[in-house]
Amino acid sequence: MDSGAFDYNQLWCTSSLRGINIVELKVEFGKSGYHSGEVGGIIPETFRIIRSLLDRVDSSATGRAADEFQVEIPQWAKDEAQFMANLSGATMHSKYNYHEGCVPMDADNLAEMYLNNTWRANLSITGAAGLPDTSIAGNVVRAATSVKLSLRLPPSAKPADTEAKL
């Protein structure tokens, strides 16, 4: 079971468990890498294609997974979210280290933040291939790019259904 506790000061009970889909998305175009000055505007950049495909799953503007991966949130879960928001306050996000000036998603609405974390689908990119380290990267349109996607699912979503949509 992949579960957690809000803190270690008391005993917690898990009210829902989220599912997950893990897939690799690979885009190939050229049969080899080409100099960007030679093929720019002719051969599409594979990372751009991946960005476009990812926007179908997760909005780059909002950070929210597409509606087809979401479920109707039950009232008891909304009540629980409000309870947890009142109980935790900003500790819900401030317990994690992040840089000054960065603002977590829905920091102004902690109940929504809680639902984001427990009842809404969320996409993470957990790996990438085909991208050279920046210290050695040249002016090359690469032949292929791959990313590993981890889509956390709402508790009542069926992983087989969401995987088919991916």
Protein backbone atom coordinates (compact mmCIF):
# COMPACT_ATOMS: atom_id res chain seq x y z
CA MET A 1 0.00 0.00 0.00
CA ASP A 2 1.34 3.41 -0.96
CA SER A 3 -0.12 5.67 1.68
CA GLY A 4 1.12 8.43 3.91
CA ALA A 5 0.25 10.36 7.03
CA PHE A 6 -0.30 14.08 7.35
CA ASP A 7 2.07 14.22 10.31
CA TYR A 8 3.61 11.90 12.89
CA ASN A 9 1.97 13.46 15.95
CA GLN A 10 -1.13 11.25 15.90
CA LEU A 11 -2.58 8.12 14.33
CA TRP A 12 -4.20 8.63 10.92
CA CYS A 13 -6.62 6.52 8.95
CA THR A 14 -6.45 6.43 5.14
CA SER A 15 -9.85 7.28 3.70
CA SER A 16 -8.92 6.69 0.06
CA LEU A 17 -6.13 5.20 -2.00
CA ARG A 18 -5.18 6.59 -5.38
CA GLY A 19 -4.28 4.53 -8.40
CA ILE A 20 -1.56 5.18 -10.93
CA ASN A 21 -0.77 4.75 -14.61
CA ILE A 22 2.90 4.68 -15.57
CA VAL A 23 3.67 4.86 -19.28
CA GLU A 24 6.54 5.84 -21.55
CA LEU A 25 5.78 8.32 -24.31
CA LYS A 26 8.30 8.22 -27.15
CA VAL A 27 8.30 10.48 -30.20
CA GLU A 28 10.55 9.64 -33.15
CA PHE A 29 10.81 11.63 -36.36
CA GLY A 30 14.21 11.67 -38.02
CA LYS A 31 16.33 8.56 -38.48
CA SER A 32 19.24 10.46 -36.93
CA GLY A 33 20.00 13.81 -35.36
CA TYR A 34 20.42 16.77 -37.70
CA HIS A 35 22.06 20.17 -37.29
CA SER A 36 19.35 22.65 -36.31
CA GLY A 37 20.65 25.24 -38.78
CA GLU A 38 20.13 22.78 -41.61
CA VAL A 39 16.73 21.32 -40.68
CA GLY A 40 15.12 23.95 -38.41
CA GLY A 41 11.67 24.67 -39.83
CA ILE A 42 11.74 21.45 -41.86
CA ILE A 43 12.12 18.58 -39.36
CA PRO A 44 9.91 19.03 -36.28
CA GLU A 45 11.61 19.04 -32.89
CA THR A 46 10.53 15.90 -31.01
CA PHE A 47 10.36 17.67 -27.65
CA ARG A 48 7.87 20.17 -29.12
CA ILE A 49 5.69 17.25 -30.24
CA ILE A 50 5.88 15.77 -26.74
CA ARG A 51 4.87 19.12 -25.22
CA SER A 52 1.87 19.21 -27.54
CA LEU A 53 0.85 15.66 -26.61
CA LEU A 54 1.30 16.36 -22.89
CA ASP A 55 -1.12 19.29 -23.13
CA ARG A 56 -3.82 16.76 -24.02
CA VAL A 57 -3.21 15.06 -20.66
CA ASP A 58 -2.28 17.98 -18.42
CA SER A 59 -2.71 21.72 -18.95
CA SER A 60 0.66 23.48 -18.96
CA ALA A 61 -1.19 26.69 -18.05
CA THR A 62 -3.01 25.36 -14.96
CA GLY A 63 -1.20 22.16 -13.98
CA ARG A 64 -4.51 20.30 -13.95
CA ALA A 65 -4.97 16.92 -15.58
CA ALA A 66 -7.62 16.75 -18.31
CA ASP A 67 -11.25 16.21 -17.34
CA GLU A 68 -11.37 12.69 -18.78
CA PHE A 69 -9.00 11.57 -16.00
CA GLN A 70 -11.10 13.12 -13.22
CA VAL A 71 -14.07 11.72 -11.30
CA GLU A 72 -16.96 13.21 -9.39
CA ILE A 73 -15.73 13.92 -5.88
CA PRO A 74 -18.12 12.62 -3.19
CA GLN A 75 -19.49 15.06 -0.62
CA TRP A 76 -17.83 13.22 2.27
CA ALA A 77 -14.44 13.82 0.62
CA LYS A 78 -15.21 17.53 0.21
CA ASP A 79 -16.17 17.69 3.90
CA GLU A 80 -12.96 15.88 4.82
CA ALA A 81 -10.97 18.36 2.70
CA GLN A 82 -12.46 21.32 4.55
CA PHE A 83 -11.76 19.63 7.90
CA MET A 84 -8.13 19.00 6.91
CA ALA A 85 -7.73 22.56 5.63
CA ASN A 86 -8.99 23.92 8.95
CA LEU A 87 -6.84 21.49 10.93
CA SER A 88 -3.59 21.98 9.03
CA GLY A 89 -3.62 25.53 7.77
CA ALA A 90 -0.60 26.42 5.65
CA THR A 91 1.28 23.44 7.10
CA MET A 92 -0.43 21.47 4.34
CA HIS A 93 2.20 22.84 1.96
CA SER A 94 4.79 24.65 4.08
CA LYS A 95 6.12 21.33 5.44
CA TYR A 96 7.71 20.77 2.01
CA ASN A 97 10.87 22.60 1.00
CA TYR A 98 10.43 24.91 -1.95
CA HIS A 99 12.17 28.07 -3.07
CA GLU A 100 11.24 31.50 -1.81
CA GLY A 101 8.84 33.21 -4.18
CA CYS A 102 7.33 29.92 -5.39
CA VAL A 103 3.65 29.42 -4.63
CA PRO A 104 2.09 25.93 -4.45
CA MET A 105 -1.05 25.16 -6.42
CA ASP A 106 -4.23 26.48 -4.75
CA ALA A 107 -2.31 27.92 -1.79
CA ASP A 108 -5.21 30.35 -1.34
CA ASN A 109 -7.74 27.49 -1.03
CA LEU A 110 -6.42 24.69 1.16
CA ALA A 111 -9.52 22.51 0.79
CA GLU A 112 -8.97 22.51 -2.99
CA MET A 113 -5.27 21.79 -2.44
CA TYR A 114 -6.22 18.76 -0.34
CA LEU A 115 -8.62 17.52 -3.02
CA ASN A 116 -5.91 18.04 -5.66
CA ASN A 117 -3.69 15.74 -3.63
CA THR A 118 -6.25 13.08 -2.73
CA TRP A 119 -9.07 13.06 -5.31
CA ARG A 120 -7.79 14.63 -8.54
CA ALA A 121 -5.61 13.12 -11.21
CA ASN A 122 -2.10 14.59 -11.31
CA LEU A 123 0.64 14.16 -13.89
CA SER A 124 4.35 13.94 -13.11
CA ILE A 125 7.17 13.51 -15.59
CA THR A 126 9.48 11.13 -13.76
CA GLY A 127 12.14 10.59 -16.40
CA ALA A 128 13.36 11.56 -19.85
CA ALA A 129 15.60 10.07 -22.52
CA GLY A 130 17.08 11.43 -25.71
CA LEU A 131 18.04 14.76 -24.16
CA PRO A 132 21.77 15.31 -23.74
CA ASP A 133 23.12 16.93 -20.60
CA THR A 134 23.16 20.71 -21.02
CA SER A 135 26.94 20.76 -20.61
CA ILE A 136 27.39 18.78 -23.85
CA ALA A 137 24.25 19.70 -25.80
CA GLY A 138 24.82 21.00 -29.30
CA ASN A 139 22.66 22.56 -32.00
CA VAL A 140 20.99 19.31 -32.95
CA VAL A 141 17.39 18.42 -33.74
CA ARG A 142 17.32 15.02 -32.07
CA ALA A 143 15.81 11.95 -33.73
CA ALA A 144 13.75 10.92 -30.69
CA THR A 145 12.65 12.00 -27.23
CA SER A 146 11.03 9.87 -24.53
CA VAL A 147 9.40 10.81 -21.24
CA LYS A 148 8.12 8.58 -18.47
CA LEU A 149 4.68 9.66 -17.28
CA SER A 150 3.24 8.97 -13.86
CA LEU A 151 -0.46 9.79 -13.75
CA ARG A 152 -1.85 9.61 -10.20
CA LEU A 153 -5.50 8.67 -10.37
CA PRO A 154 -8.52 9.51 -8.24
CA PRO A 155 -9.51 6.66 -5.89
CA SER A 156 -12.60 5.66 -7.87
CA ALA A 157 -10.98 5.84 -11.34
CA LYS A 158 -10.38 2.57 -13.13
CA PRO A 159 -6.69 2.35 -14.13
CA ALA A 160 -7.44 0.27 -17.25
CA ASP A 161 -9.85 2.97 -18.48
CA THR A 162 -7.44 5.84 -17.85
CA GLU A 163 -4.53 3.94 -19.39
CA ALA A 164 -6.57 3.46 -22.57
CA LYS A 165 -7.20 7.22 -22.67
CA LEU A 166 -3.49 7.89 -22.29
